[in-house]
């Protein structure tokens, strides 16, 4: 099975000027653990995750005034839609993260998460 078959095609997107609360509300509303960040000044595509927001709150930052800009991961590992689920899972294990932005060139096509991969395996009849 390929990444394009399992990825979430509806992507939550935020900008660097969104507050942490706004990002969290958008992510919670869609029941996802990450949001893709587009930087209008040309840094490219980044990601902010629920873990990033949780870490910021744990250090006492105010979610209503703190901007996502300081919590974005710009050094992102991207998947292509043609990757296998095994390739995506291996990249996640190597990098220690749970989400991959799926790109076709510079176009964001979706996000694939550990949950998406597990769901695909279960639907295919995988057993433990």
N, C-alpha and C. Protein backbone atom coordinates (compact mmCIF):
# COMPACT_ATOMS: atom_id res chain seq x y z
N UNK A 1 0.85 -1.18 0.00
CA UNK A 1 0.00 0.00 0.00
C UNK A 1 0.90 1.24 0.00
N UNK A 2 0.44 2.28 -0.62
CA UNK A 2 1.20 3.52 -0.78
C UNK A 2 0.68 4.61 0.16
N UNK A 3 1.55 5.59 0.41
CA UNK A 3 1.20 6.73 1.25
C UNK A 3 -0.06 7.41 0.73
N UNK A 4 -0.17 7.56 -0.58
CA UNK A 4 -1.34 8.25 -1.15
C UNK A 4 -2.65 7.55 -0.82
N UNK A 5 -2.61 6.26 -0.52
CA UNK A 5 -3.81 5.51 -0.19
C UNK A 5 -4.23 5.66 1.27
N UNK A 6 -3.29 6.05 2.12
CA UNK A 6 -3.56 6.08 3.56
C UNK A 6 -3.53 7.47 4.17
N UNK A 7 -2.96 8.45 3.46
CA UNK A 7 -2.78 9.78 4.05
C UNK A 7 -4.10 10.52 4.23
N UNK A 8 -4.08 11.47 5.14
CA UNK A 8 -5.21 12.39 5.30
C UNK A 8 -5.06 13.48 4.27
N UNK A 9 -6.07 13.65 3.44
CA UNK A 9 -6.00 14.65 2.37
C UNK A 9 -6.49 16.02 2.82
N UNK A 10 -7.24 16.05 3.90
CA UNK A 10 -7.67 17.33 4.46
C UNK A 10 -6.61 17.74 5.47
N UNK A 11 -5.92 18.83 5.16
CA UNK A 11 -4.77 19.25 5.95
C UNK A 11 -5.11 20.53 6.70
N UNK A 12 -4.88 20.52 8.01
CA UNK A 12 -5.01 21.74 8.80
C UNK A 12 -3.79 22.59 8.51
N UNK A 13 -4.02 23.85 8.14
CA UNK A 13 -2.92 24.75 7.84
C UNK A 13 -3.00 25.98 8.73
N UNK A 14 -1.84 26.37 9.25
CA UNK A 14 -1.74 27.59 10.05
C UNK A 14 -0.55 28.38 9.54
N UNK A 15 -0.50 29.63 9.95
CA UNK A 15 0.63 30.48 9.62
C UNK A 15 1.47 30.74 10.85
N UNK A 16 2.66 31.32 10.66
CA UNK A 16 3.54 31.58 11.78
C UNK A 16 2.97 32.58 12.79
N UNK A 17 1.97 33.36 12.39
CA UNK A 17 1.40 34.35 13.29
C UNK A 17 0.16 33.86 14.05
N UNK A 18 -0.28 32.64 13.80
CA UNK A 18 -1.37 32.09 14.60
C UNK A 18 -0.88 31.92 16.03
N UNK A 19 -1.79 32.05 16.99
CA UNK A 19 -1.42 31.75 18.37
C UNK A 19 -1.43 30.24 18.57
N UNK A 20 -0.80 29.80 19.64
CA UNK A 20 -0.83 28.37 19.95
C UNK A 20 -2.26 27.90 20.18
N UNK A 21 -3.07 28.74 20.81
CA UNK A 21 -4.47 28.34 21.04
C UNK A 21 -5.21 28.18 19.71
N UNK A 22 -5.01 29.10 18.79
CA UNK A 22 -5.68 28.98 17.49
C UNK A 22 -5.26 27.69 16.78
N UNK A 23 -3.98 27.39 16.81
CA UNK A 23 -3.50 26.16 16.18
C UNK A 23 -4.12 24.94 16.85
N UNK A 24 -4.13 24.95 18.19
CA UNK A 24 -4.70 23.83 18.93
C UNK A 24 -6.19 23.67 18.65
N UNK A 25 -6.91 24.76 18.57
CA UNK A 25 -8.35 24.69 18.28
C UNK A 25 -8.62 24.11 16.90
N UNK A 26 -7.83 24.55 15.91
CA UNK A 26 -7.99 24.02 14.56
C UNK A 26 -7.68 22.53 14.51
N UNK A 27 -6.61 22.12 15.18
CA UNK A 27 -6.24 20.72 15.20
C UNK A 27 -7.28 19.88 15.93
N UNK A 28 -7.75 20.37 17.06
CA UNK A 28 -8.76 19.64 17.83
C UNK A 28 -10.06 19.53 17.05
N UNK A 29 -10.42 20.59 16.34
CA UNK A 29 -11.65 20.58 15.55
C UNK A 29 -11.65 19.54 14.45
N UNK A 30 -10.48 19.24 13.93
CA UNK A 30 -10.36 18.23 12.87
C UNK A 30 -9.89 16.88 13.41
N UNK A 31 -9.63 16.84 14.72
CA UNK A 31 -9.17 15.61 15.38
C UNK A 31 -7.87 15.08 14.76
N UNK A 32 -6.92 16.02 14.59
CA UNK A 32 -5.60 15.65 14.06
C UNK A 32 -4.52 16.14 15.02
N UNK A 33 -3.34 15.57 14.90
CA UNK A 33 -2.26 15.90 15.81
C UNK A 33 -1.21 16.82 15.25
N UNK A 34 -1.47 17.40 14.06
CA UNK A 34 -0.48 18.31 13.48
C UNK A 34 -1.16 19.30 12.54
N UNK A 35 -0.43 20.36 12.28
CA UNK A 35 -0.87 21.35 11.30
C UNK A 35 0.33 21.72 10.43
N UNK A 36 0.08 21.87 9.15
CA UNK A 36 1.12 22.29 8.22
C UNK A 36 1.20 23.80 8.27
N UNK A 37 2.43 24.30 8.23
CA UNK A 37 2.66 25.74 8.30
C UNK A 37 3.27 26.20 6.98
N UNK A 38 2.62 27.18 6.39
CA UNK A 38 3.17 27.82 5.20
C UNK A 38 3.71 29.17 5.61
N UNK A 39 4.98 29.41 5.33
CA UNK A 39 5.59 30.69 5.66
C UNK A 39 5.53 31.60 4.45
N UNK A 40 4.78 32.69 4.54
CA UNK A 40 4.66 33.59 3.39
C UNK A 40 5.97 34.28 3.03
N UNK A 41 6.96 34.25 3.94
CA UNK A 41 8.25 34.88 3.66
C UNK A 41 9.25 33.92 3.03
N UNK A 42 8.80 32.72 2.68
CA UNK A 42 9.62 31.84 1.90
C UNK A 42 10.42 30.78 2.62
N UNK A 43 10.15 30.51 3.91
CA UNK A 43 10.88 29.43 4.57
C UNK A 43 10.39 28.06 4.13
N UNK A 44 9.29 28.04 3.39
CA UNK A 44 8.78 26.78 2.88
C UNK A 44 7.68 26.21 3.73
N UNK A 45 7.66 24.88 3.80
CA UNK A 45 6.61 24.16 4.51
C UNK A 45 7.19 23.60 5.80
N UNK A 46 6.50 23.89 6.89
CA UNK A 46 6.89 23.37 8.19
C UNK A 46 5.72 22.64 8.82
N UNK A 47 5.91 22.23 10.06
CA UNK A 47 4.85 21.51 10.77
C UNK A 47 4.89 21.90 12.24
N UNK A 48 3.73 21.95 12.84
CA UNK A 48 3.62 22.09 14.29
C UNK A 48 2.71 20.96 14.76
N UNK A 49 3.10 20.33 15.86
CA UNK A 49 2.36 19.17 16.34
C UNK A 49 1.79 19.42 17.72
N UNK A 50 0.92 18.52 18.12
CA UNK A 50 0.35 18.61 19.47
C UNK A 50 1.45 18.55 20.52
N UNK A 51 2.50 17.82 20.25
CA UNK A 51 3.64 17.73 21.18
C UNK A 51 4.33 19.09 21.31
N UNK A 52 4.48 19.81 20.20
CA UNK A 52 5.09 21.14 20.25
C UNK A 52 4.26 22.08 21.13
N UNK A 53 2.97 22.02 20.96
CA UNK A 53 2.08 22.88 21.75
C UNK A 53 2.12 22.48 23.22
N UNK A 54 2.09 21.19 23.49
CA UNK A 54 2.16 20.70 24.87
C UNK A 54 3.46 21.13 25.54
N UNK A 55 4.57 21.01 24.84
CA UNK A 55 5.86 21.43 25.41
C UNK A 55 5.88 22.93 25.71
N UNK A 56 5.29 23.73 24.83
CA UNK A 56 5.24 25.18 25.06
C UNK A 56 4.41 25.50 26.30
N UNK A 57 3.28 24.84 26.45
CA UNK A 57 2.42 25.09 27.61
C UNK A 57 3.10 24.62 28.89
N UNK A 58 3.84 23.53 28.82
CA UNK A 58 4.52 22.99 30.00
C UNK A 58 5.59 23.94 30.52
N UNK A 59 6.10 24.81 29.66
CA UNK A 59 7.11 25.77 30.11
C UNK A 59 6.48 27.09 30.56
N UNK A 60 5.14 27.13 30.58
CA UNK A 60 4.46 28.30 31.10
C UNK A 60 4.12 29.37 30.08
N UNK A 61 4.28 29.09 28.80
CA UNK A 61 3.94 30.09 27.78
C UNK A 61 2.43 30.28 27.68
N UNK A 62 2.02 31.49 27.39
CA UNK A 62 0.61 31.84 27.27
C UNK A 62 0.10 31.46 25.88
N UNK A 63 -0.84 30.51 25.79
CA UNK A 63 -1.31 30.07 24.48
C UNK A 63 -2.07 31.14 23.70
N UNK A 64 -2.50 32.18 24.40
CA UNK A 64 -3.25 33.24 23.72
C UNK A 64 -2.35 34.33 23.15
N UNK A 65 -1.10 34.37 23.57
CA UNK A 65 -0.20 35.39 23.03
C UNK A 65 1.00 34.77 22.31
N UNK A 66 1.37 33.56 22.67
CA UNK A 66 2.52 32.91 22.03
C UNK A 66 2.15 32.48 20.61
N UNK A 67 3.00 32.83 19.67
CA UNK A 67 2.78 32.53 18.24
C UNK A 67 3.41 31.19 17.87
N UNK A 68 2.86 30.58 16.86
CA UNK A 68 3.39 29.29 16.39
C UNK A 68 4.79 29.43 15.84
N UNK A 69 5.19 30.62 15.40
CA UNK A 69 6.47 30.83 14.74
C UNK A 69 7.65 30.25 15.51
N UNK A 70 7.63 30.35 16.82
CA UNK A 70 8.73 29.86 17.62
C UNK A 70 8.70 28.37 17.90
N UNK A 71 7.70 27.67 17.37
CA UNK A 71 7.52 26.26 17.70
C UNK A 71 7.37 25.39 16.46
N UNK A 72 7.67 25.94 15.32
CA UNK A 72 7.53 25.23 14.05
C UNK A 72 8.79 24.45 13.76
N UNK A 73 8.62 23.25 13.28
CA UNK A 73 9.74 22.47 12.78
C UNK A 73 9.85 22.74 11.28
N UNK A 74 10.96 23.35 10.88
CA UNK A 74 11.18 23.65 9.46
C UNK A 74 12.00 22.56 8.79
N UNK A 75 12.78 21.85 9.57
CA UNK A 75 13.61 20.78 9.04
C UNK A 75 12.75 19.51 8.98
N UNK A 76 11.82 19.50 8.05
CA UNK A 76 10.80 18.46 7.98
C UNK A 76 11.24 17.35 7.03
N UNK A 77 10.95 16.11 7.42
CA UNK A 77 11.11 14.97 6.52
C UNK A 77 9.79 14.85 5.77
N UNK A 78 9.86 14.89 4.47
CA UNK A 78 8.66 14.82 3.64
C UNK A 78 8.54 13.44 3.02
N UNK A 79 7.31 13.00 2.84
CA UNK A 79 7.03 11.77 2.11
C UNK A 79 6.50 12.15 0.73
N UNK A 80 6.61 11.23 -0.19
CA UNK A 80 5.95 11.41 -1.48
C UNK A 80 4.75 10.47 -1.52
N UNK A 81 3.78 10.75 -2.35
CA UNK A 81 2.61 9.88 -2.41
C UNK A 81 2.94 8.45 -2.85
N UNK A 82 4.06 8.27 -3.52
CA UNK A 82 4.44 6.95 -4.02
C UNK A 82 5.18 6.09 -3.00
N UNK A 83 5.59 6.68 -1.88
CA UNK A 83 6.26 5.88 -0.86
C UNK A 83 5.35 4.76 -0.40
N UNK A 84 5.94 3.65 0.01
CA UNK A 84 5.16 2.59 0.65
C UNK A 84 4.90 2.99 2.10
N UNK A 85 3.93 2.34 2.70
CA UNK A 85 3.69 2.60 4.12
C UNK A 85 4.88 2.17 4.96
N UNK A 86 5.59 1.15 4.52
CA UNK A 86 6.79 0.72 5.23
C UNK A 86 7.86 1.80 5.19
N UNK A 87 8.03 2.47 4.06
CA UNK A 87 9.01 3.56 3.96
C UNK A 87 8.62 4.71 4.87
N UNK A 88 7.34 5.03 4.91
CA UNK A 88 6.87 6.12 5.78
C UNK A 88 7.09 5.75 7.25
N UNK A 89 6.74 4.53 7.61
CA UNK A 89 6.91 4.09 9.00
C UNK A 89 8.39 4.10 9.38
N UNK A 90 9.25 3.65 8.49
CA UNK A 90 10.69 3.64 8.77
C UNK A 90 11.22 5.06 8.97
N UNK A 91 10.76 6.00 8.16
CA UNK A 91 11.19 7.40 8.30
C UNK A 91 10.75 7.95 9.65
N UNK A 92 9.54 7.60 10.08
CA UNK A 92 9.03 8.06 11.37
C UNK A 92 9.86 7.49 12.52
N UNK A 93 10.19 6.21 12.42
CA UNK A 93 10.99 5.57 13.47
C UNK A 93 12.37 6.20 13.53
N UNK A 94 13.01 6.37 12.37
CA UNK A 94 14.36 6.98 12.34
C UNK A 94 14.36 8.39 12.91
N UNK A 95 13.32 9.17 12.57
CA UNK A 95 13.28 10.57 13.01
C UNK A 95 12.65 10.79 14.36
N UNK A 96 11.95 9.79 14.88
CA UNK A 96 11.31 9.92 16.18
C UNK A 96 10.10 10.84 16.17
N UNK A 97 9.35 10.81 15.06
CA UNK A 97 8.15 11.64 14.98
C UNK A 97 6.99 10.81 14.47
N UNK A 98 5.78 11.40 14.54
CA UNK A 98 4.56 10.65 14.23
C UNK A 98 3.80 11.17 13.02
N UNK A 99 4.32 12.20 12.35
CA UNK A 99 3.63 12.78 11.19
C UNK A 99 4.63 13.08 10.08
N UNK A 100 4.20 12.85 8.85
CA UNK A 100 4.98 13.24 7.68
C UNK A 100 4.09 14.07 6.77
N UNK A 101 4.61 15.19 6.32
CA UNK A 101 3.92 15.99 5.31
C UNK A 101 4.16 15.30 3.97
N UNK A 102 3.11 15.16 3.19
CA UNK A 102 3.21 14.50 1.89
C UNK A 102 3.23 15.58 0.81
N UNK A 103 4.32 15.58 0.05
CA UNK A 103 4.51 16.59 -1.00
C UNK A 103 4.59 15.95 -2.37
N UNK A 104 4.08 16.68 -3.34
CA UNK A 104 4.30 16.38 -4.74
C UNK A 104 5.00 17.60 -5.30
N UNK A 105 6.31 17.54 -5.41
CA UNK A 105 7.08 18.74 -5.75
C UNK A 105 7.03 19.69 -4.56
N UNK A 106 6.40 20.84 -4.77
CA UNK A 106 6.24 21.80 -3.67
C UNK A 106 4.79 21.87 -3.18
N UNK A 107 3.92 21.06 -3.76
CA UNK A 107 2.51 21.06 -3.39
C UNK A 107 2.25 20.10 -2.24
N UNK A 108 1.59 20.61 -1.19
CA UNK A 108 1.19 19.77 -0.06
C UNK A 108 -0.05 18.98 -0.48
N UNK A 109 0.07 17.65 -0.46
CA UNK A 109 -1.06 16.79 -0.81
C UNK A 109 -1.79 16.25 0.40
N UNK A 110 -1.07 16.16 1.52
CA UNK A 110 -1.68 15.59 2.71
C UNK A 110 -0.67 15.42 3.82
N UNK A 111 -1.11 14.71 4.85
CA UNK A 111 -0.26 14.35 5.98
C UNK A 111 -0.55 12.88 6.27
N UNK A 112 0.50 12.14 6.55
CA UNK A 112 0.31 10.75 6.99
C UNK A 112 0.85 10.63 8.41
N UNK A 113 0.07 9.97 9.24
CA UNK A 113 0.45 9.81 10.65
C UNK A 113 0.57 8.33 10.98
N UNK A 114 1.13 8.07 12.14
CA UNK A 114 1.20 6.70 12.63
C UNK A 114 -0.20 6.10 12.67
N UNK A 115 -1.17 6.89 13.10
CA UNK A 115 -2.56 6.42 13.16
C UNK A 115 -3.06 5.99 11.78
N UNK A 116 -2.73 6.77 10.75
CA UNK A 116 -3.15 6.42 9.39
C UNK A 116 -2.54 5.09 8.95
N UNK A 117 -1.28 4.88 9.28
CA UNK A 117 -0.60 3.64 8.90
C UNK A 117 -1.21 2.45 9.64
N UNK A 118 -1.42 2.59 10.93
CA UNK A 118 -2.03 1.51 11.71
C UNK A 118 -3.43 1.19 11.20
N UNK A 119 -4.20 2.22 10.92
CA UNK A 119 -5.57 2.01 10.41
C UNK A 119 -5.53 1.23 9.10
N UNK A 120 -4.59 1.57 8.22
CA UNK A 120 -4.48 0.87 6.94
C UNK A 120 -4.12 -0.59 7.14
N UNK A 121 -3.18 -0.87 8.04
CA UNK A 121 -2.79 -2.25 8.29
C UNK A 121 -3.96 -3.05 8.86
N UNK A 122 -4.70 -2.47 9.79
CA UNK A 122 -5.84 -3.17 10.38
C UNK A 122 -6.90 -3.43 9.33
N UNK A 123 -7.18 -2.45 8.47
CA UNK A 123 -8.18 -2.63 7.42
C UNK A 123 -7.76 -3.70 6.42
N UNK A 124 -6.47 -3.91 6.27
CA UNK A 124 -5.96 -4.95 5.37
C UNK A 124 -5.95 -6.32 6.04
N UNK A 125 -6.36 -6.37 7.30
CA UNK A 125 -6.44 -7.65 8.00
C UNK A 125 -5.20 -8.03 8.77
N UNK A 126 -4.34 -7.07 9.07
CA UNK A 126 -3.14 -7.37 9.84
C UNK A 126 -3.52 -7.87 11.23
N UNK A 127 -2.78 -8.84 11.71
CA UNK A 127 -3.01 -9.35 13.06
C UNK A 127 -1.70 -9.29 13.82
N UNK A 128 -1.83 -9.25 15.13
CA UNK A 128 -0.65 -9.17 15.99
C UNK A 128 -0.20 -10.55 16.35
